[in-house]
Amino acid sequence: MSFVPQLALVAGVMFLVCVSPGPDLLAVSSHALSARRSGLGVVAGVASSPLIWAALAAFFGSLFVTIPPLDAPLWMHGATLALVTLVSISWFSGMALLFSTGRVRRGYARVRRPLDALMGMVLVALGASLALAC
């Protein structure tokens, strides 16, 4: 039995998890803006977290437990662990390398204050809407 479709689905789901904006991307990009090595160091931590979750079985209690067939061999689960880690390392390393380039750093330096102010206003508005909803 070929497990390629299930492994491709795992890789696709993990890719969508990685590209979704969130704290992982924020950590990688902000460290990479200061230094490439720092950004890649954060990538090592960010990419190791899915591996640790999967190894502790909490990760497999989610969507990834439904993708492989029930009779999947042990190597399939190992391949899933490796694939999840590889996708995470690839995406976040690419982001760290991108955000550590001089051109991106200079561009971010120009828009940092207005962008921080905008994000601050968005967060205050979200907080206010939560407070008023109670």
N, C-alpha and C. Protein backbone atom coordinates (compact mmCIF):
# COMPACT_ATOMS: atom_id res chain seq x y z
N MET A 1 0.85 -1.19 0.00
CA MET A 1 0.00 0.00 0.00
C MET A 1 0.89 1.24 0.00
N SER A 2 0.56 2.19 -0.85
CA SER A 2 1.32 3.44 -0.93
C SER A 2 0.78 4.46 0.07
N PHE A 3 1.69 5.05 0.81
CA PHE A 3 1.32 6.05 1.80
C PHE A 3 1.67 7.46 1.32
N VAL A 4 2.04 7.59 0.06
CA VAL A 4 2.42 8.89 -0.49
C VAL A 4 1.29 9.92 -0.36
N PRO A 5 0.04 9.58 -0.69
CA PRO A 5 -1.02 10.60 -0.55
C PRO A 5 -1.18 11.10 0.89
N GLN A 6 -1.10 10.18 1.86
CA GLN A 6 -1.22 10.60 3.26
C GLN A 6 -0.05 11.46 3.69
N LEU A 7 1.16 11.10 3.28
CA LEU A 7 2.33 11.91 3.62
C LEU A 7 2.27 13.28 2.95
N ALA A 8 1.77 13.33 1.71
CA ALA A 8 1.61 14.61 1.01
C ALA A 8 0.58 15.48 1.74
N LEU A 9 -0.47 14.85 2.25
CA LEU A 9 -1.48 15.60 2.99
C LEU A 9 -0.91 16.14 4.30
N VAL A 10 -0.12 15.33 4.99
CA VAL A 10 0.54 15.79 6.22
C VAL A 10 1.44 16.99 5.90
N ALA A 11 2.23 16.89 4.83
CA ALA A 11 3.12 17.99 4.45
C ALA A 11 2.32 19.24 4.11
N GLY A 12 1.22 19.07 3.40
CA GLY A 12 0.39 20.21 3.04
C GLY A 12 -0.24 20.89 4.24
N VAL A 13 -0.75 20.10 5.16
CA VAL A 13 -1.34 20.66 6.38
C VAL A 13 -0.27 21.38 7.19
N MET A 14 0.90 20.77 7.33
CA MET A 14 1.97 21.40 8.10
C MET A 14 2.44 22.68 7.43
N PHE A 15 2.48 22.70 6.10
CA PHE A 15 2.86 23.91 5.40
C PHE A 15 1.87 25.04 5.69
N LEU A 16 0.58 24.72 5.67
CA LEU A 16 -0.43 25.74 5.99
C LEU A 16 -0.30 26.23 7.43
N VAL A 17 0.05 25.32 8.33
CA VAL A 17 0.28 25.72 9.73
C VAL A 17 1.47 26.69 9.79
N CYS A 18 2.51 26.40 9.06
CA CYS A 18 3.71 27.23 9.09
C CYS A 18 3.49 28.61 8.49
N VAL A 19 2.77 28.68 7.35
CA VAL A 19 2.63 29.97 6.67
C VAL A 19 1.57 30.86 7.32
N SER A 20 0.77 30.32 8.20
CA SER A 20 -0.22 31.14 8.91
C SER A 20 0.52 32.10 9.83
N PRO A 21 0.21 33.39 9.75
CA PRO A 21 0.89 34.34 10.63
C PRO A 21 0.63 34.00 12.09
N GLY A 22 1.66 34.08 12.87
CA GLY A 22 1.51 33.77 14.28
C GLY A 22 2.79 34.06 15.05
N PRO A 23 2.86 33.61 16.27
CA PRO A 23 4.02 33.92 17.11
C PRO A 23 5.32 33.31 16.59
N ASP A 24 5.24 32.15 15.91
CA ASP A 24 6.46 31.55 15.38
C ASP A 24 7.09 32.45 14.32
N LEU A 25 6.28 32.92 13.39
CA LEU A 25 6.80 33.80 12.33
C LEU A 25 7.29 35.12 12.93
N LEU A 26 6.56 35.63 13.91
CA LEU A 26 6.98 36.87 14.56
C LEU A 26 8.35 36.70 15.23
N ALA A 27 8.53 35.59 15.93
CA ALA A 27 9.81 35.34 16.60
C ALA A 27 10.94 35.19 15.59
N VAL A 28 10.70 34.42 14.54
CA VAL A 28 11.74 34.20 13.53
C VAL A 28 12.09 35.51 12.83
N SER A 29 11.07 36.25 12.39
CA SER A 29 11.34 37.47 11.62
C SER A 29 11.99 38.54 12.49
N SER A 30 11.54 38.71 13.73
CA SER A 30 12.14 39.76 14.55
C SER A 30 13.58 39.44 14.91
N HIS A 31 13.90 38.19 15.16
CA HIS A 31 15.30 37.84 15.45
C HIS A 31 16.15 37.92 14.18
N ALA A 32 15.58 37.52 13.05
CA ALA A 32 16.34 37.57 11.79
C ALA A 32 16.62 39.01 11.38
N LEU A 33 15.72 39.94 11.74
CA LEU A 33 15.97 41.34 11.42
C LEU A 33 17.19 41.87 12.15
N SER A 34 17.48 41.31 13.32
CA SER A 34 18.66 41.77 14.05
C SER A 34 19.92 41.04 13.59
N ALA A 35 19.80 39.74 13.31
CA ALA A 35 20.97 38.98 12.84
C ALA A 35 20.51 37.65 12.26
N ARG A 36 21.09 37.27 11.15
CA ARG A 36 20.73 36.01 10.49
C ARG A 36 20.94 34.82 11.42
N ARG A 37 22.05 34.80 12.12
CA ARG A 37 22.34 33.67 13.01
C ARG A 37 21.29 33.56 14.11
N SER A 38 20.87 34.69 14.63
CA SER A 38 19.84 34.70 15.66
C SER A 38 18.52 34.16 15.10
N GLY A 39 18.16 34.57 13.91
CA GLY A 39 16.93 34.08 13.27
C GLY A 39 16.97 32.59 13.05
N LEU A 40 18.10 32.08 12.58
CA LEU A 40 18.23 30.64 12.36
C LEU A 40 18.24 29.87 13.67
N GLY A 41 18.73 30.49 14.73
CA GLY A 41 18.66 29.86 16.05
C GLY A 41 17.22 29.70 16.51
N VAL A 42 16.41 30.71 16.27
CA VAL A 42 14.99 30.62 16.61
C VAL A 42 14.31 29.55 15.76
N VAL A 43 14.72 29.44 14.49
CA VAL A 43 14.17 28.39 13.62
C VAL A 43 14.40 27.02 14.23
N ALA A 44 15.58 26.80 14.80
CA ALA A 44 15.87 25.49 15.40
C ALA A 44 14.88 25.20 16.54
N GLY A 45 14.58 26.20 17.32
CA GLY A 45 13.62 26.00 18.40
C GLY A 45 12.21 25.82 17.90
N VAL A 46 11.80 26.66 16.95
CA VAL A 46 10.45 26.59 16.41
C VAL A 46 10.22 25.25 15.69
N ALA A 47 11.20 24.81 14.92
CA ALA A 47 11.05 23.58 14.15
C ALA A 47 11.10 22.34 15.03
N SER A 48 11.75 22.44 16.18
CA SER A 48 11.81 21.27 17.05
C SER A 48 10.52 21.05 17.82
N SER A 49 9.70 22.08 17.95
CA SER A 49 8.48 21.92 18.74
C SER A 49 7.50 20.90 18.15
N PRO A 50 7.22 20.88 16.83
CA PRO A 50 6.33 19.83 16.32
C PRO A 50 6.90 18.43 16.53
N LEU A 51 8.21 18.30 16.43
CA LEU A 51 8.84 17.00 16.65
C LEU A 51 8.62 16.56 18.09
N ILE A 52 8.78 17.46 19.03
CA ILE A 52 8.59 17.12 20.44
C ILE A 52 7.12 16.79 20.70
N TRP A 53 6.20 17.61 20.15
CA TRP A 53 4.77 17.31 20.34
C TRP A 53 4.44 15.93 19.80
N ALA A 54 4.93 15.64 18.62
CA ALA A 54 4.62 14.35 18.00
C ALA A 54 5.22 13.21 18.81
N ALA A 55 6.43 13.39 19.28
CA ALA A 55 7.07 12.34 20.06
C ALA A 55 6.33 12.10 21.37
N LEU A 56 5.70 13.12 21.91
CA LEU A 56 4.94 12.98 23.15
C LEU A 56 3.49 12.56 22.90
N ALA A 57 3.13 12.35 21.66
CA ALA A 57 1.82 11.88 21.23
C ALA A 57 0.71 12.92 21.34
N ALA A 58 0.99 14.10 21.85
CA ALA A 58 -0.05 15.12 21.90
C ALA A 58 -0.37 15.60 20.49
N PHE A 59 0.66 15.66 19.64
CA PHE A 59 0.48 16.11 18.27
C PHE A 59 -0.40 15.14 17.51
N PHE A 60 -0.23 13.85 17.77
CA PHE A 60 -1.00 12.83 17.07
C PHE A 60 -2.42 12.73 17.60
N GLY A 61 -2.72 13.44 18.67
CA GLY A 61 -4.09 13.48 19.17
C GLY A 61 -4.92 14.48 18.38
N SER A 62 -4.33 15.12 17.41
CA SER A 62 -5.02 16.13 16.62
C SER A 62 -5.30 15.60 15.22
N LEU A 63 -5.21 16.46 14.27
CA LEU A 63 -5.53 16.12 12.88
C LEU A 63 -4.65 15.00 12.34
N PHE A 64 -3.40 14.96 12.74
CA PHE A 64 -2.47 14.02 12.14
C PHE A 64 -2.76 12.58 12.50
N VAL A 65 -3.57 12.34 13.52
CA VAL A 65 -3.94 10.97 13.84
C VAL A 65 -5.00 10.46 12.86
N THR A 66 -5.71 11.36 12.22
CA THR A 66 -6.77 10.95 11.29
C THR A 66 -6.26 10.75 9.87
N ILE A 67 -5.08 11.19 9.56
CA ILE A 67 -4.59 11.11 8.18
C ILE A 67 -4.05 9.72 7.83
N PRO A 68 -3.12 9.16 8.60
CA PRO A 68 -2.65 7.82 8.22
C PRO A 68 -3.73 6.77 8.48
N PRO A 69 -3.73 5.69 7.70
CA PRO A 69 -4.69 4.63 7.97
C PRO A 69 -4.42 3.98 9.33
N LEU A 70 -5.42 3.33 9.88
CA LEU A 70 -5.26 2.71 11.21
C LEU A 70 -4.18 1.65 11.22
N ASP A 71 -3.98 0.97 10.10
CA ASP A 71 -2.99 -0.10 10.04
C ASP A 71 -1.63 0.37 9.50
N ALA A 72 -1.37 1.67 9.60
CA ALA A 72 -0.11 2.21 9.08
C ALA A 72 1.07 1.61 9.85
N PRO A 73 2.13 1.25 9.14
CA PRO A 73 3.30 0.70 9.83
C PRO A 73 4.03 1.78 10.63
N LEU A 74 4.88 1.34 11.51
CA LEU A 74 5.62 2.25 12.38
C LEU A 74 6.46 3.25 11.58
N TRP A 75 7.04 2.82 10.47
CA TRP A 75 7.86 3.73 9.67
C TRP A 75 7.05 4.91 9.15
N MET A 76 5.74 4.70 8.92
CA MET A 76 4.88 5.78 8.46
C MET A 76 4.80 6.89 9.51
N HIS A 77 4.71 6.52 10.76
CA HIS A 77 4.67 7.52 11.83
C HIS A 77 6.02 8.24 11.94
N GLY A 78 7.11 7.48 11.77
CA GLY A 78 8.43 8.11 11.76
C GLY A 78 8.59 9.06 10.59
N ALA A 79 8.08 8.65 9.42
CA ALA A 79 8.15 9.52 8.25
C ALA A 79 7.31 10.78 8.46
N THR A 80 6.19 10.64 9.16
CA THR A 80 5.35 11.80 9.47
C THR A 80 6.10 12.77 10.36
N LEU A 81 6.77 12.25 11.38
CA LEU A 81 7.59 13.10 12.26
C LEU A 81 8.66 13.84 11.46
N ALA A 82 9.35 13.10 10.61
CA ALA A 82 10.42 13.70 9.81
C ALA A 82 9.87 14.75 8.85
N LEU A 83 8.74 14.46 8.25
CA LEU A 83 8.14 15.39 7.28
C LEU A 83 7.67 16.67 7.96
N VAL A 84 7.04 16.55 9.10
CA VAL A 84 6.57 17.72 9.84
C VAL A 84 7.75 18.61 10.21
N THR A 85 8.83 17.99 10.67
CA THR A 85 10.02 18.74 11.05
C THR A 85 10.68 19.39 9.83
N LEU A 86 10.77 18.65 8.74
CA LEU A 86 11.39 19.16 7.52
C LEU A 86 10.61 20.35 6.95
N VAL A 87 9.30 20.26 6.92
CA VAL A 87 8.49 21.37 6.41
C VAL A 87 8.69 22.61 7.28
N SER A 88 8.68 22.42 8.59
CA SER A 88 8.85 23.53 9.51
C SER A 88 10.23 24.18 9.36
N ILE A 89 11.26 23.36 9.32
CA ILE A 89 12.62 23.90 9.15
C ILE A 89 12.74 24.64 7.82
N SER A 90 12.21 24.07 6.75
CA SER A 90 12.33 24.69 5.43
C SER A 90 11.64 26.05 5.39
N TRP A 91 10.39 26.11 5.86
CA TRP A 91 9.65 27.37 5.80
C TRP A 91 10.30 28.44 6.66
N PHE A 92 10.55 28.13 7.91
CA PHE A 92 11.05 29.15 8.82
C PHE A 92 12.50 29.54 8.51
N SER A 93 13.30 28.63 7.97
CA SER A 93 14.65 29.00 7.53
C SER A 93 14.57 29.98 6.37
N GLY A 94 13.65 29.72 5.46
CA GLY A 94 13.46 30.65 4.34
C GLY A 94 13.06 32.03 4.83
N MET A 95 12.17 32.07 5.82
CA MET A 95 11.75 33.35 6.38
C MET A 95 12.91 34.06 7.09
N ALA A 96 13.70 33.29 7.84
CA ALA A 96 14.85 33.88 8.53
C ALA A 96 15.85 34.44 7.54
N LEU A 97 16.11 33.70 6.48
CA LEU A 97 17.04 34.19 5.46
C LEU A 97 16.49 35.43 4.75
N LEU A 98 15.21 35.43 4.47
CA LEU A 98 14.59 36.59 3.83
C LEU A 98 14.66 37.82 4.73
N PHE A 99 14.24 37.68 5.98
CA PHE A 99 14.20 38.83 6.88
C PHE A 99 15.58 39.31 7.32
N SER A 100 16.60 38.50 7.09
CA SER A 100 17.94 38.93 7.48
C SER A 100 18.70 39.60 6.33
N THR A 101 18.08 39.72 5.15
CA THR A 101 18.75 40.40 4.04
C THR A 101 18.74 41.91 4.28
N GLY A 102 19.74 42.56 3.79
CA GLY A 102 19.88 44.00 3.96
C GLY A 102 18.70 44.78 3.41
N ARG A 103 18.21 44.38 2.26
CA ARG A 103 17.10 45.10 1.64
C ARG A 103 15.84 45.05 2.51
N VAL A 104 15.51 43.88 3.02
CA VAL A 104 14.32 43.74 3.87
C VAL A 104 14.52 44.49 5.18
N ARG A 105 15.72 44.41 5.73
CA ARG A 105 15.99 45.12 6.99
C ARG A 105 15.85 46.64 6.82
N ARG A 106 16.36 47.15 5.71
CA ARG A 106 16.23 48.59 5.46
C ARG A 106 14.78 48.99 5.22
N GLY A 107 14.05 48.17 4.48
CA GLY A 107 12.64 48.44 4.23
C GLY A 107 11.82 48.42 5.52
N TYR A 108 12.10 47.44 6.36
CA TYR A 108 11.38 47.36 7.63
C TYR A 108 11.72 48.55 8.53
N ALA A 109 12.95 48.97 8.51
CA ALA A 109 13.36 50.10 9.35
C ALA A 109 12.56 51.36 8.97
N ARG A 110 12.21 51.51 7.68
CA ARG A 110 11.44 52.67 7.24
C ARG A 110 9.98 52.62 7.71
N VAL A 111 9.41 51.43 7.80
CA VAL A 111 7.98 51.33 8.13
C VAL A 111 7.72 50.82 9.55
N ARG A 112 8.77 50.61 10.31
CA ARG A 112 8.61 50.00 11.63
C ARG A 112 7.69 50.79 12.55
N ARG A 113 7.94 52.07 12.72
CA ARG A 113 7.13 52.87 13.65
C ARG A 113 5.66 52.92 13.24
N PRO A 114 5.35 53.26 11.98
CA PRO A 114 3.93 53.27 11.60
C PRO A 114 3.29 51.89 11.70
N LEU A 115 4.04 50.86 11.34
CA LEU A 115 3.51 49.50 11.43
C LEU A 115 3.25 49.10 12.88
N ASP A 116 4.18 49.41 13.77
CA ASP A 116 3.98 49.13 15.20
C ASP A 116 2.78 49.90 15.75
N ALA A 117 2.62 51.16 15.33
CA ALA A 117 1.47 51.96 15.78
C ALA A 117 0.17 51.35 15.28
N LEU A 118 0.14 50.95 14.02
CA LEU A 118 -1.05 50.33 13.45
C LEU A 118 -1.41 49.04 14.18
N MET A 119 -0.42 48.19 14.41
CA MET A 119 -0.67 46.93 15.11
C MET A 119 -1.12 47.19 16.54
N GLY A 120 -0.56 48.20 17.17
CA GLY A 120 -0.98 48.57 18.52
C GLY A 120 -2.44 48.99 18.55
N MET A 121 -2.84 49.79 17.56
CA MET A 121 -4.25 50.22 17.49
C MET A 121 -5.18 49.04 17.26
N VAL A 122 -4.75 48.11 16.41
CA VAL A 122 -5.56 46.92 16.15
C VAL A 122 -5.73 46.11 17.43
N LEU A 123 -4.64 45.93 18.17
CA LEU A 123 -4.72 45.16 19.41
C LEU A 123 -5.57 45.85 20.46
N VAL A 124 -5.48 47.18 20.56
CA VAL A 124 -6.33 47.93 21.50
C VAL A 124 -7.79 47.78 21.10
N ALA A 125 -8.08 47.87 19.80
CA ALA A 125 -9.46 47.72 19.33
C ALA A 125 -10.00 46.31 19.62
N LEU A 126 -9.16 45.30 19.42
CA LEU A 126 -9.60 43.94 19.74
C LEU A 126 -9.85 43.78 21.23
N GLY A 127 -8.97 44.35 22.05
CA GLY A 127 -9.15 44.29 23.49
C GLY A 127 -10.41 45.01 23.93
N ALA A 128 -10.66 46.17 23.35
CA ALA A 128 -11.86 46.94 23.69
C ALA A 128 -13.12 46.19 23.28
N SER A 129 -13.08 45.55 22.11
CA SER A 129 -14.27 44.80 21.68
C SER A 129 -14.53 43.61 22.60
N LEU A 130 -13.47 42.99 23.08
CA LEU A 130 -13.65 41.90 24.04
C LEU A 130 -14.21 42.42 25.36
N ALA A 131 -13.70 43.54 25.82
CA ALA A 131 -14.15 44.10 27.09
C ALA A 131 -15.61 44.54 26.99
N LEU A 132 -16.00 45.09 25.87
CA LEU A 132 -17.37 45.55 25.70
C LEU A 132 -18.36 44.41 25.46
N ALA A 133 -17.85 43.28 25.03
CA ALA A 133 -18.72 42.14 24.75
C ALA A 133 -19.20 41.45 26.02
N CYS A 134 -18.51 41.69 27.12
CA CYS A 134 -18.87 41.03 28.38
C CYS A 134 -20.09 41.62 29.02
